[in-house]
Amino acid sequence: MNQKLVFWTALNSYQSFKLLRDKPLSTTHPVQTEEWTARRIELFRRFTLPSILNQRYEDWLFVVLLDPALRHLTDPFLVPRHPDDRVIYCYEDGPALERLRQYDQVVMTLIDGDDMYSEDAGQMIMDCPDEWMYFRLGYALDVPTGRLWAYDTIGTGPFWARRIDPKTISRLDRDKRHPTHKAIINHGPTELPADQFCVTLHDINTSSHTHMRYVLQGQPRDIKILERFGGGG
């Protein structure tokens, strides 16, 4: 079967969709600003993109969805584009879907635009034959302090993948076939090995603190772990 591993993220759409469309932002999320978007891009470049480029399983695509309403903020980020043609930046998902539909099956793998996968995560995902799969246990990096924590998503984290026929995908951002990460557990996903993801805790993301379990002691150990995630900045 002609299949492809596809990482995908909406770099800044969570806040901007709510701000620019039908629903107001909740008090727990910052208002979309140029400063916020610039910070989000900085985190993506520092953490997320290197972790994907560092994958040992190399037969992947990385679809990065950008909000067309924020072109004036994100266009500068796209120039120059990353030279790796496996990384697809798009304001509309049509071009990405066209490329995905060249395959019989894609393994859609979500990653938030400020998080990381380990170098072995892609291979583990492709080795799993099941339709739905997810990572529950991993790490959390407190960016301001550089401390690394153990992290439990409690079955609702944004680190999941699904095998699917790309011809059945109508949209990448809000397609019903891509449920929110809180609903993934309802599909009975296979839990993949622990310690293959790392979330980042920073000035525009503090909600993850509620799921911390314990601190990993020792700076040398922290550095060694982050090497598996592309260096962690």
Protein backbone atom coordinates (compact mmCIF):
# COMPACT_ATOMS: atom_id res chain seq x y z
CA MET A 1 0.00 0.00 0.00
CA ASN A 2 1.19 3.49 -0.87
CA GLN A 3 1.07 5.28 2.48
CA LYS A 4 2.52 8.42 4.02
CA LEU A 5 3.17 9.73 7.50
CA VAL A 6 1.71 13.24 7.72
CA PHE A 7 2.39 15.53 10.64
CA TRP A 8 0.07 18.52 10.69
CA THR A 9 -0.52 21.62 12.77
CA ALA A 10 -2.53 24.83 12.68
CA LEU A 11 0.20 27.23 13.67
CA ASN A 12 -1.95 30.05 15.00
CA SER A 13 -5.56 29.25 14.14
CA TYR A 14 -6.87 28.25 17.58
CA GLN A 15 -6.88 31.77 18.96
CA SER A 16 -7.38 33.56 15.66
CA PHE A 17 -10.32 31.44 14.51
CA LYS A 18 -12.14 32.29 17.73
CA LEU A 19 -11.18 35.94 17.56
CA LEU A 20 -12.02 36.53 13.91
CA ARG A 21 -15.06 34.32 13.49
CA ASP A 22 -18.10 33.32 15.52
CA LYS A 23 -16.97 32.91 19.12
CA PRO A 24 -15.20 35.30 21.49
CA LEU A 25 -12.01 34.25 23.22
CA SER A 26 -12.32 32.82 26.69
CA THR A 27 -10.53 34.53 29.53
CA THR A 28 -7.99 31.70 29.65
CA HIS A 29 -6.50 32.50 26.23
CA PRO A 30 -4.66 35.65 25.18
CA VAL A 31 -6.00 38.02 22.57
CA GLN A 32 -4.41 37.53 19.16
CA THR A 33 -1.85 40.26 18.58
CA GLU A 34 1.17 40.77 16.40
CA GLU A 35 3.34 40.14 19.44
CA TRP A 36 1.47 36.88 20.20
CA THR A 37 1.81 35.65 16.62
CA ALA A 38 5.50 36.52 16.49
CA ARG A 39 6.02 34.62 19.73
CA ARG A 40 4.14 31.61 18.38
CA ILE A 41 6.29 31.56 15.25
CA GLU A 42 9.43 31.80 17.38
CA LEU A 43 8.34 28.75 19.41
CA PHE A 44 7.49 26.82 16.27
CA ARG A 45 10.90 27.48 14.77
CA ARG A 46 12.73 26.73 17.99
CA PHE A 47 10.94 23.56 19.06
CA THR A 48 8.36 22.06 16.71
CA LEU A 49 10.01 22.26 13.30
CA PRO A 50 13.41 20.90 14.48
CA SER A 51 11.68 17.95 16.14
CA ILE A 52 10.01 16.95 12.87
CA LEU A 53 13.16 17.45 10.80
CA ASN A 54 14.96 15.24 13.36
CA GLN A 55 12.72 12.20 12.74
CA ARG A 56 14.59 8.96 12.04
CA TYR A 57 11.66 7.84 9.92
CA GLU A 58 12.16 10.18 6.98
CA ASP A 59 9.21 9.43 4.68
CA TRP A 60 6.91 12.14 6.01
CA LEU A 61 5.14 15.36 5.12
CA PHE A 62 4.57 18.24 7.52
CA VAL A 63 1.49 20.36 6.75
CA VAL A 64 1.50 23.74 8.50
CA LEU A 65 -1.86 25.53 8.24
CA LEU A 66 -1.80 29.30 8.57
CA ASP A 67 -4.73 31.66 9.07
CA PRO A 68 -5.40 33.72 5.91
CA ALA A 69 -6.74 36.53 8.07
CA LEU A 70 -3.26 36.95 9.52
CA ARG A 71 -1.24 36.97 6.31
CA HIS A 72 0.30 40.32 7.16
CA LEU A 73 1.81 38.70 10.22
CA THR A 74 2.80 35.31 8.87
CA ASP A 75 3.94 36.17 5.34
CA PRO A 76 7.33 37.40 6.61
CA PHE A 77 7.76 34.07 8.38
CA LEU A 78 7.42 32.26 5.04
CA VAL A 79 10.24 34.18 3.36
CA PRO A 80 12.49 32.40 2.83
CA ARG A 81 10.59 29.13 2.95
CA HIS A 82 12.22 26.13 4.53
CA PRO A 83 14.24 24.35 1.81
CA ASP A 84 12.87 20.91 2.76
CA ASP A 85 9.96 20.32 0.35
CA ARG A 86 8.42 17.89 2.83
CA VAL A 87 7.33 20.95 4.84
CA ILE A 88 4.16 22.41 3.31
CA TYR A 89 3.03 25.87 4.44
CA CYS A 90 -0.47 26.82 3.28
CA TYR A 91 -3.18 29.38 3.97
CA GLU A 92 -5.78 27.10 2.45
CA ASP A 93 -5.69 23.33 2.69
CA GLY A 94 -6.46 22.64 -0.98
CA PRO A 95 -2.83 22.31 -2.13
CA ALA A 96 -1.96 20.11 0.85
CA LEU A 97 -4.99 17.87 0.28
CA GLU A 98 -4.07 17.50 -3.37
CA ARG A 99 -0.64 16.26 -2.39
CA LEU A 100 -2.03 13.91 0.25
CA ARG A 101 -4.45 12.35 -2.22
CA GLN A 102 -1.54 10.90 -4.15
CA TYR A 103 -1.43 8.19 -1.48
CA ASP A 104 -3.73 5.27 -0.71
CA GLN A 105 -3.48 5.96 3.00
CA VAL A 106 -2.08 8.71 5.20
CA VAL A 107 -1.33 8.55 8.90
CA MET A 108 -2.51 11.95 10.10
CA THR A 109 -0.46 12.89 13.16
CA LEU A 110 -1.34 15.99 15.13
CA ILE A 111 1.25 18.21 16.76
CA ASP A 112 0.64 21.61 18.32
CA GLY A 113 2.78 24.40 16.93
CA ASP A 114 4.82 24.76 20.10
CA ASP A 115 5.38 21.10 21.01
CA MET A 116 7.85 18.36 20.02
CA TYR A 117 7.98 14.70 19.05
CA SER A 118 11.01 12.54 19.76
CA GLU A 119 13.19 11.30 16.93
CA ASP A 120 11.57 7.84 17.22
CA ALA A 121 7.93 8.92 17.37
CA GLY A 122 7.32 8.75 13.63
CA GLN A 123 8.67 5.21 13.38
CA MET A 124 6.54 4.09 16.33
CA ILE A 125 3.45 5.54 14.71
CA MET A 126 4.12 3.82 11.39
CA ASP A 127 4.85 0.51 13.12
CA CYS A 128 1.42 0.51 14.77
CA PRO A 129 -1.15 -1.16 12.47
CA ASP A 130 -4.21 0.21 14.26
CA GLU A 131 -6.47 2.99 13.00
CA TRP A 132 -6.26 5.21 16.06
CA MET A 133 -3.20 5.65 18.30
CA TYR A 134 -1.92 8.17 20.81
CA PHE A 135 0.86 9.04 23.22
CA ARG A 136 -0.27 9.56 26.82
CA LEU A 137 2.96 9.95 28.83
CA GLY A 138 5.76 12.30 27.92
CA TYR A 139 7.58 15.42 29.06
CA ALA A 140 6.90 19.09 29.64
CA LEU A 141 9.63 21.68 29.23
CA ASP A 142 9.31 24.85 31.28
CA VAL A 143 10.89 27.21 28.75
CA PRO A 144 11.73 30.12 31.11
CA THR A 145 13.60 27.91 33.61
CA GLY A 146 14.79 25.07 31.36
CA ARG A 147 13.41 22.48 33.80
CA LEU A 148 11.99 19.28 32.38
CA TRP A 149 8.96 17.63 33.95
CA ALA A 150 7.15 14.33 33.50
CA TYR A 151 3.75 14.86 31.92
CA ASP A 152 0.54 12.85 31.78
CA THR A 153 -2.08 13.91 29.23
CA ILE A 154 -4.63 11.78 31.11
CA GLY A 155 -5.80 10.38 27.80
CA THR A 156 -6.78 13.72 26.28
CA GLY A 157 -3.53 15.12 24.90
CA PRO A 158 -2.93 16.49 21.40
CA PHE A 159 -0.52 13.69 20.48
CA TRP A 160 -2.56 11.31 18.37
CA ALA A 161 -2.54 9.76 14.91
CA ARG A 162 -5.08 8.10 12.64
CA ARG A 163 -4.80 5.96 9.53
CA ILE A 164 -7.22 7.25 6.92
CA ASP A 165 -7.92 7.34 3.20
CA PRO A 166 -6.96 10.92 2.21
CA LYS A 167 -9.73 11.01 -0.39
CA THR A 168 -12.25 11.05 2.47
CA ILE A 169 -10.74 14.19 4.04
CA SER A 170 -12.63 17.31 3.01
CA ARG A 171 -10.85 19.81 5.27
CA LEU A 172 -7.78 19.69 7.45
CA ASP A 173 -8.70 22.32 10.01
CA ARG A 174 -12.24 21.48 11.10
CA ASP A 175 -13.08 18.22 9.39
CA LYS A 176 -15.28 16.03 11.60
CA ARG A 177 -12.89 13.18 10.85
CA HIS A 178 -10.31 15.04 12.92
CA PRO A 179 -11.96 15.40 16.35
CA THR A 180 -10.64 17.50 19.17
CA HIS A 181 -7.95 15.81 21.20
CA LYS A 182 -10.32 15.52 24.16
CA ALA A 183 -12.51 13.18 22.08
CA ILE A 184 -9.71 10.90 20.89
CA ILE A 185 -10.03 8.57 23.86
CA ASN A 186 -13.60 7.78 22.73
CA HIS A 187 -12.18 5.97 19.69
CA GLY A 188 -10.32 3.41 21.80
CA PRO A 189 -6.86 4.37 20.53
CA THR A 190 -3.79 2.21 21.02
CA GLU A 191 -1.44 3.75 23.56
CA LEU A 192 2.08 4.04 22.17
CA PRO A 193 5.32 3.92 24.23
CA ALA A 194 5.93 6.67 26.76
CA ASP A 195 8.35 9.59 26.61
CA GLN A 196 7.97 10.35 22.90
CA PHE A 197 6.58 13.88 23.11
CA CYS A 198 7.38 17.09 24.92
CA VAL A 199 5.05 20.02 25.48
CA THR A 200 6.42 23.48 26.12
CA LEU A 201 5.26 25.70 28.96
CA HIS A 202 5.81 29.38 28.31
CA ASP A 203 4.34 32.84 28.66
CA ILE A 204 1.40 32.17 26.31
CA ASN A 205 0.68 28.63 27.46
CA THR A 206 0.30 27.90 31.16
CA SER A 207 -2.73 25.58 31.21
CA SER A 208 -0.55 22.47 30.97
CA HIS A 209 0.78 23.03 34.49
CA THR A 210 -2.30 21.27 35.84
CA HIS A 211 -1.08 17.89 34.55
CA MET A 212 2.47 17.90 35.91
CA ARG A 213 3.40 14.93 38.05
CA TYR A 214 6.99 15.35 39.21
CA VAL A 215 10.24 17.07 38.32
CA LEU A 216 13.08 15.23 36.61
CA GLN A 217 16.17 16.19 38.58
CA GLY A 218 19.57 17.00 37.10
CA GLN A 219 20.46 19.34 34.27
CA PRO A 220 22.73 16.83 32.43
CA ARG A 221 19.84 14.38 32.17
CA ASP A 222 17.54 17.12 30.91
CA ILE A 223 19.94 18.04 28.12
CA LYS A 224 20.36 14.44 27.03
CA ILE A 225 16.60 13.91 26.84
CA LEU A 226 16.06 17.03 24.75
CA GLU A 227 18.55 15.83 22.15
CA ARG A 228 15.96 13.22 21.19
CA PHE A 229 13.58 16.05 20.32
CA GLY A 230 15.82 17.96 17.94
CA GLY A 231 17.69 19.76 20.67
CA GLY A 232 14.77 21.60 22.21
CA GLY A 233 16.04 25.00 21.14
